[in-house]
Amino acid sequence: SLELARLRFNAGVGTQTDVITAQT
C-alpha cells in the first residue's frame, strides 16, 4: 500500500495524505 501511495503521489494522481496514511 505504501509503495502504491508513493507511486501515485509522485505521478501526481495521489495526495500526501495518502502517503502519510500508508506510512502510519
PDB file of all heavy atoms in Angstrom:
ATOM      1  N   SER A   1       0.820  -1.206   0.000  1.00  0.00           N
ATOM      2  CA  SER A   1       0.000   0.000   0.000  1.00  0.00           C
ATOM      3  C   SER A   1       0.853   1.255   0.000  1.00  0.00           C
ATOM      4  O   SER A   1       0.556   2.235  -0.708  1.00  0.00           O
ATOM      5  CB  SER A   1      -0.930  -0.011   1.215  1.00  0.00           C
ATOM      6  OG  SER A   1      -1.682   1.188   1.299  1.00  0.00           O
ATOM      7  N   LEU A   2       1.942   1.263   0.774  1.00  0.00           N
ATOM      8  CA  LEU A   2       2.820   2.429   0.798  1.00  0.00           C
ATOM      9  C   LEU A   2       3.530   2.599  -0.542  1.00  0.00           C
ATOM     10  O   LEU A   2       3.707   3.731  -1.024  1.00  0.00           O
ATOM     11  CB  LEU A   2       3.847   2.276   1.927  1.00  0.00           C
ATOM     12  CG  LEU A   2       4.867   3.413   2.067  1.00  0.00           C
ATOM     13  CD1 LEU A   2       4.157   4.738   2.295  1.00  0.00           C
ATOM     14  CD2 LEU A   2       5.847   3.111   3.204  1.00  0.00           C
ATOM     15  N   GLU A   3       3.934   1.499  -1.170  1.00  0.00           N
ATOM     16  CA  GLU A   3       4.564   1.595  -2.483  1.00  0.00           C
ATOM     17  C   GLU A   3       3.622   2.262  -3.484  1.00  0.00           C
ATOM     18  O   GLU A   3       4.026   3.169  -4.237  1.00  0.00           O
ATOM     19  CB  GLU A   3       4.950   0.202  -2.976  1.00  0.00           C
ATOM     20  CG  GLU A   3       6.025  -0.484  -2.146  1.00  0.00           C
ATOM     21  CD  GLU A   3       6.264  -1.915  -2.602  1.00  0.00           C
ATOM     22  OE1 GLU A   3       5.663  -2.313  -3.626  1.00  0.00           O
ATOM     23  OE2 GLU A   3       7.042  -2.627  -1.941  1.00  0.00           O
ATOM     24  N   LEU A   4       2.373   1.797  -3.498  1.00  0.00           N
ATOM     25  CA  LEU A   4       1.409   2.362  -4.439  1.00  0.00           C
ATOM     26  C   LEU A   4       1.104   3.822  -4.123  1.00  0.00           C
ATOM     27  O   LEU A   4       0.961   4.645  -5.028  1.00  0.00           O
ATOM     28  CB  LEU A   4       0.123   1.531  -4.415  1.00  0.00           C
ATOM     29  CG  LEU A   4       0.242   0.095  -4.943  1.00  0.00           C
ATOM     30  CD1 LEU A   4      -1.071  -0.647  -4.774  1.00  0.00           C
ATOM     31  CD2 LEU A   4       0.677   0.100  -6.404  1.00  0.00           C
ATOM     32  N   ALA A   5       1.008   4.150  -2.832  1.00  0.00           N
ATOM     33  CA  ALA A   5       0.711   5.536  -2.458  1.00  0.00           C
ATOM     34  C   ALA A   5       1.815   6.474  -2.915  1.00  0.00           C
ATOM     35  O   ALA A   5       1.552   7.589  -3.399  1.00  0.00           O
ATOM     36  CB  ALA A   5       0.513   5.629  -0.953  1.00  0.00           C
ATOM     37  N   ARG A   6       3.066   6.039  -2.805  1.00  0.00           N
ATOM     38  CA  ARG A   6       4.160   6.886  -3.252  1.00  0.00           C
ATOM     39  C   ARG A   6       4.196   7.007  -4.772  1.00  0.00           C
ATOM     40  O   ARG A   6       4.472   8.083  -5.323  1.00  0.00           O
ATOM     41  CB  ARG A   6       5.483   6.316  -2.733  1.00  0.00           C
ATOM     42  CG  ARG A   6       5.737   6.629  -1.269  1.00  0.00           C
ATOM     43  CD  ARG A   6       7.029   6.037  -0.790  1.00  0.00           C
ATOM     44  NE  ARG A   6       7.328   6.469   0.578  1.00  0.00           N
ATOM     45  CZ  ARG A   6       8.180   5.858   1.374  1.00  0.00           C
ATOM     46  NH1 ARG A   6       8.792   4.771   0.954  1.00  0.00           N
ATOM     47  NH2 ARG A   6       8.413   6.320   2.593  1.00  0.00           N
ATOM     48  N   LEU A   7       3.952   5.897  -5.455  1.00  0.00           N
ATOM     49  CA  LEU A   7       3.905   5.964  -6.910  1.00  0.00           C
ATOM     50  C   LEU A   7       2.815   6.920  -7.381  1.00  0.00           C
ATOM     51  O   LEU A   7       3.030   7.736  -8.291  1.00  0.00           O
ATOM     52  CB  LEU A   7       3.679   4.567  -7.482  1.00  0.00           C
ATOM     53  CG  LEU A   7       4.876   3.592  -7.424  1.00  0.00           C
ATOM     54  CD1 LEU A   7       4.449   2.203  -7.862  1.00  0.00           C
ATOM     55  CD2 LEU A   7       6.016   4.096  -8.302  1.00  0.00           C
ATOM     56  N   ARG A   8       1.643   6.846  -6.768  1.00  0.00           N
ATOM     57  CA  ARG A   8       0.543   7.728  -7.142  1.00  0.00           C
ATOM     58  C   ARG A   8       0.876   9.185  -6.832  1.00  0.00           C
ATOM     59  O   ARG A   8       0.589  10.094  -7.611  1.00  0.00           O
ATOM     60  CB  ARG A   8      -0.727   7.308  -6.399  1.00  0.00           C
ATOM     61  CG  ARG A   8      -1.347   6.015  -6.919  1.00  0.00           C
ATOM     62  CD  ARG A   8      -2.431   5.499  -5.980  1.00  0.00           C
ATOM     63  NE  ARG A   8      -3.427   6.512  -5.716  1.00  0.00           N
ATOM     64  CZ  ARG A   8      -4.461   6.793  -6.506  1.00  0.00           C
ATOM     65  NH1 ARG A   8      -4.639   6.094  -7.628  1.00  0.00           N
ATOM     66  NH2 ARG A   8      -5.332   7.737  -6.184  1.00  0.00           N
ATOM     67  N   PHE A   9       1.512   9.408  -5.675  1.00  0.00           N
ATOM     68  CA  PHE A   9       1.851  10.782  -5.309  1.00  0.00           C
ATOM     69  C   PHE A   9       2.911  11.358  -6.248  1.00  0.00           C
ATOM     70  O   PHE A   9       2.816  12.508  -6.693  1.00  0.00           O
ATOM     71  CB  PHE A   9       2.348  10.804  -3.865  1.00  0.00           C
ATOM     72  CG  PHE A   9       2.802  12.163  -3.396  1.00  0.00           C
ATOM     73  CD1 PHE A   9       1.885  13.185  -3.193  1.00  0.00           C
ATOM     74  CD2 PHE A   9       4.154  12.414  -3.188  1.00  0.00           C
ATOM     75  CE1 PHE A   9       2.315  14.436  -2.763  1.00  0.00           C
ATOM     76  CE2 PHE A   9       4.585  13.666  -2.768  1.00  0.00           C
ATOM     77  CZ  PHE A   9       3.661  14.682  -2.542  1.00  0.00           C
ATOM     78  N   ASN A  10       3.929  10.549  -6.567  1.00  0.00           N
ATOM     79  CA  ASN A  10       4.981  11.030  -7.454  1.00  0.00           C
ATOM     80  C   ASN A  10       4.490  11.235  -8.875  1.00  0.00           C
ATOM     81  O   ASN A  10       5.046  12.059  -9.615  1.00  0.00           O
ATOM     82  CB  ASN A  10       6.160  10.056  -7.457  1.00  0.00           C
ATOM     83  CG  ASN A  10       6.892  10.046  -6.127  1.00  0.00           C
ATOM     84  OD1 ASN A  10       6.862  11.021  -5.394  1.00  0.00           O
ATOM     85  ND2 ASN A  10       7.557   8.933  -5.824  1.00  0.00           N
ATOM     86  N   ALA A  11       3.462  10.469  -9.251  1.00  0.00           N
ATOM     87  CA  ALA A  11       2.882  10.636 -10.581  1.00  0.00           C
ATOM     88  C   ALA A  11       1.868  11.760 -10.637  1.00  0.00           C
ATOM     89  O   ALA A  11       1.350  12.077 -11.718  1.00  0.00           O
ATOM     90  CB  ALA A  11       2.243   9.326 -11.032  1.00  0.00           C
ATOM     91  N   GLY A  12       1.522  12.343  -9.508  1.00  0.00           N
ATOM     92  CA  GLY A  12       0.596  13.455  -9.474  1.00  0.00           C
ATOM     93  C   GLY A  12      -0.855  13.076  -9.393  1.00  0.00           C
ATOM     94  O   GLY A  12      -1.734  13.954  -9.484  1.00  0.00           O
ATOM     95  N   VAL A  13      -1.151  11.788  -9.217  1.00  0.00           N
ATOM     96  CA  VAL A  13      -2.551  11.363  -9.134  1.00  0.00           C
ATOM     97  C   VAL A  13      -2.958  11.027  -7.710  1.00  0.00           C
ATOM     98  O   VAL A  13      -4.115  10.687  -7.468  1.00  0.00           O
ATOM     99  CB  VAL A  13      -2.802  10.151 -10.054  1.00  0.00           C
ATOM    100  CG1 VAL A  13      -2.598  10.522 -11.510  1.00  0.00           C
ATOM    101  CG2 VAL A  13      -1.886   8.985  -9.641  1.00  0.00           C
ATOM    102  N   GLY A  14      -2.021  11.063  -6.764  1.00  0.00           N
ATOM    103  CA  GLY A  14      -2.318  10.827  -5.361  1.00  0.00           C
ATOM    104  C   GLY A  14      -1.999  12.039  -4.523  1.00  0.00           C
ATOM    105  O   GLY A  14      -1.489  13.053  -5.019  1.00  0.00           O
ATOM    106  N   THR A  15      -2.282  11.958  -3.230  1.00  0.00           N
ATOM    107  CA  THR A  15      -2.060  13.080  -2.324  1.00  0.00           C
ATOM    108  C   THR A  15      -1.062  12.682  -1.232  1.00  0.00           C
ATOM    109  O   THR A  15      -0.801  11.495  -0.998  1.00  0.00           O
ATOM    110  CB  THR A  15      -3.374  13.523  -1.671  1.00  0.00           C
ATOM    111  OG1 THR A  15      -3.865  12.453  -0.835  1.00  0.00           O
ATOM    112  CG2 THR A  15      -4.416  13.885  -2.722  1.00  0.00           C
ATOM    113  N   GLN A  16      -0.522  13.727  -0.613  1.00  0.00           N
ATOM    114  CA  GLN A  16       0.387  13.498   0.503  1.00  0.00           C
ATOM    115  C   GLN A  16      -0.328  12.802   1.647  1.00  0.00           C
ATOM    116  O   GLN A  16       0.269  12.013   2.383  1.00  0.00           O
ATOM    117  CB  GLN A  16       0.972  14.833   0.969  1.00  0.00           C
ATOM    118  CG  GLN A  16       1.983  14.727   2.090  1.00  0.00           C
ATOM    119  CD  GLN A  16       3.309  14.152   1.629  1.00  0.00           C
ATOM    120  OE1 GLN A  16       3.516  13.965   0.427  1.00  0.00           O
ATOM    121  NE2 GLN A  16       4.196  13.874   2.560  1.00  0.00           N
ATOM    122  N   THR A  17      -1.609  13.077   1.785  1.00  0.00           N
ATOM    123  CA  THR A  17      -2.393  12.426   2.842  1.00  0.00           C
ATOM    124  C   THR A  17      -2.403  10.922   2.655  1.00  0.00           C
ATOM    125  O   THR A  17      -2.318  10.156   3.629  1.00  0.00           O
ATOM    126  CB  THR A  17      -3.826  12.962   2.843  1.00  0.00           C
ATOM    127  OG1 THR A  17      -3.794  14.377   3.047  1.00  0.00           O
ATOM    128  CG2 THR A  17      -4.658  12.324   3.943  1.00  0.00           C
ATOM    129  N   ASP A  18      -2.496  10.479   1.384  1.00  0.00           N
ATOM    130  CA  ASP A  18      -2.471   9.035   1.123  1.00  0.00           C
ATOM    131  C   ASP A  18      -1.149   8.422   1.566  1.00  0.00           C
ATOM    132  O   ASP A  18      -1.117   7.328   2.142  1.00  0.00           O
ATOM    133  CB  ASP A  18      -2.696   8.769  -0.371  1.00  0.00           C
ATOM    134  CG  ASP A  18      -4.069   9.225  -0.831  1.00  0.00           C
ATOM    135  OD1 ASP A  18      -4.975   9.299   0.018  1.00  0.00           O
ATOM    136  OD2 ASP A  18      -4.223   9.520  -2.032  1.00  0.00           O
ATOM    137  N   VAL A  19      -0.043   9.128   1.290  1.00  0.00           N
ATOM    138  CA  VAL A  19       1.270   8.608   1.679  1.00  0.00           C
ATOM    139  C   VAL A  19       1.399   8.548   3.189  1.00  0.00           C
ATOM    140  O   VAL A  19       1.873   7.565   3.759  1.00  0.00           O
ATOM    141  CB  VAL A  19       2.385   9.478   1.065  1.00  0.00           C
ATOM    142  CG1 VAL A  19       3.759   8.989   1.537  1.00  0.00           C
ATOM    143  CG2 VAL A  19       2.313   9.448  -0.451  1.00  0.00           C
ATOM    144  N   ILE A  20       0.994   9.623   3.875  1.00  0.00           N
ATOM    145  CA  ILE A  20       1.087   9.653   5.337  1.00  0.00           C
ATOM    146  C   ILE A  20       0.234   8.556   5.951  1.00  0.00           C
ATOM    147  O   ILE A  20       0.650   7.860   6.890  1.00  0.00           O
ATOM    148  CB  ILE A  20       0.676  11.035   5.859  1.00  0.00           C
ATOM    149  CG1 ILE A  20       1.702  12.087   5.416  1.00  0.00           C
ATOM    150  CG2 ILE A  20       0.547  11.030   7.376  1.00  0.00           C
ATOM    151  CD1 ILE A  20       1.325  13.509   5.772  1.00  0.00           C
ATOM    152  N   THR A  21      -0.957   8.380   5.426  1.00  0.00           N
ATOM    153  CA  THR A  21      -1.838   7.320   5.939  1.00  0.00           C
ATOM    154  C   THR A  21      -1.212   5.946   5.731  1.00  0.00           C
ATOM    155  O   THR A  21      -1.245   5.091   6.626  1.00  0.00           O
ATOM    156  CB  THR A  21      -3.205   7.390   5.246  1.00  0.00           C
ATOM    157  OG1 THR A  21      -3.789   8.677   5.490  1.00  0.00           O
ATOM    158  CG2 THR A  21      -4.132   6.310   5.770  1.00  0.00           C
ATOM    159  N   ALA A  22      -0.620   5.722   4.548  1.00  0.00           N
ATOM    160  CA  ALA A  22       0.014   4.422   4.277  1.00  0.00           C
ATOM    161  C   ALA A  22       1.211   4.200   5.178  1.00  0.00           C
ATOM    162  O   ALA A  22       1.450   3.083   5.646  1.00  0.00           O
ATOM    163  CB  ALA A  22       0.424   4.350   2.806  1.00  0.00           C
ATOM    164  N   GLN A  23       2.000   5.264   5.438  1.00  0.00           N
ATOM    165  CA  GLN A  23       3.133   5.132   6.356  1.00  0.00           C
ATOM    166  C   GLN A  23       2.669   4.785   7.753  1.00  0.00           C
ATOM    167  O   GLN A  23       3.262   3.931   8.428  1.00  0.00           O
ATOM    168  CB  GLN A  23       3.929   6.445   6.381  1.00  0.00           C
ATOM    169  CG  GLN A  23       4.722   6.703   5.114  1.00  0.00           C
ATOM    170  CD  GLN A  23       5.413   8.056   5.126  1.00  0.00           C
ATOM    171  OE1 GLN A  23       6.187   8.380   4.243  1.00  0.00           O
ATOM    172  NE2 GLN A  23       5.132   8.863   6.117  1.00  0.00           N
ATOM    173  N   THR A  24       1.604   5.448   8.215  1.00  0.00           N
ATOM    174  CA  THR A  24       1.072   5.158   9.549  1.00  0.00           C
ATOM    175  C   THR A  24       0.587   3.724   9.642  1.00  0.00           C
ATOM    176  O   THR A  24       0.827   3.022  10.632  1.00  0.00           O
ATOM    177  CB  THR A  24      -0.064   6.127   9.875  1.00  0.00           C
ATOM    178  OG1 THR A  24       0.404   7.481   9.772  1.00  0.00           O
ATOM    179  CG2 THR A  24      -0.601   5.889  11.271  1.00  0.00           C
TER     180      THR A  24
END
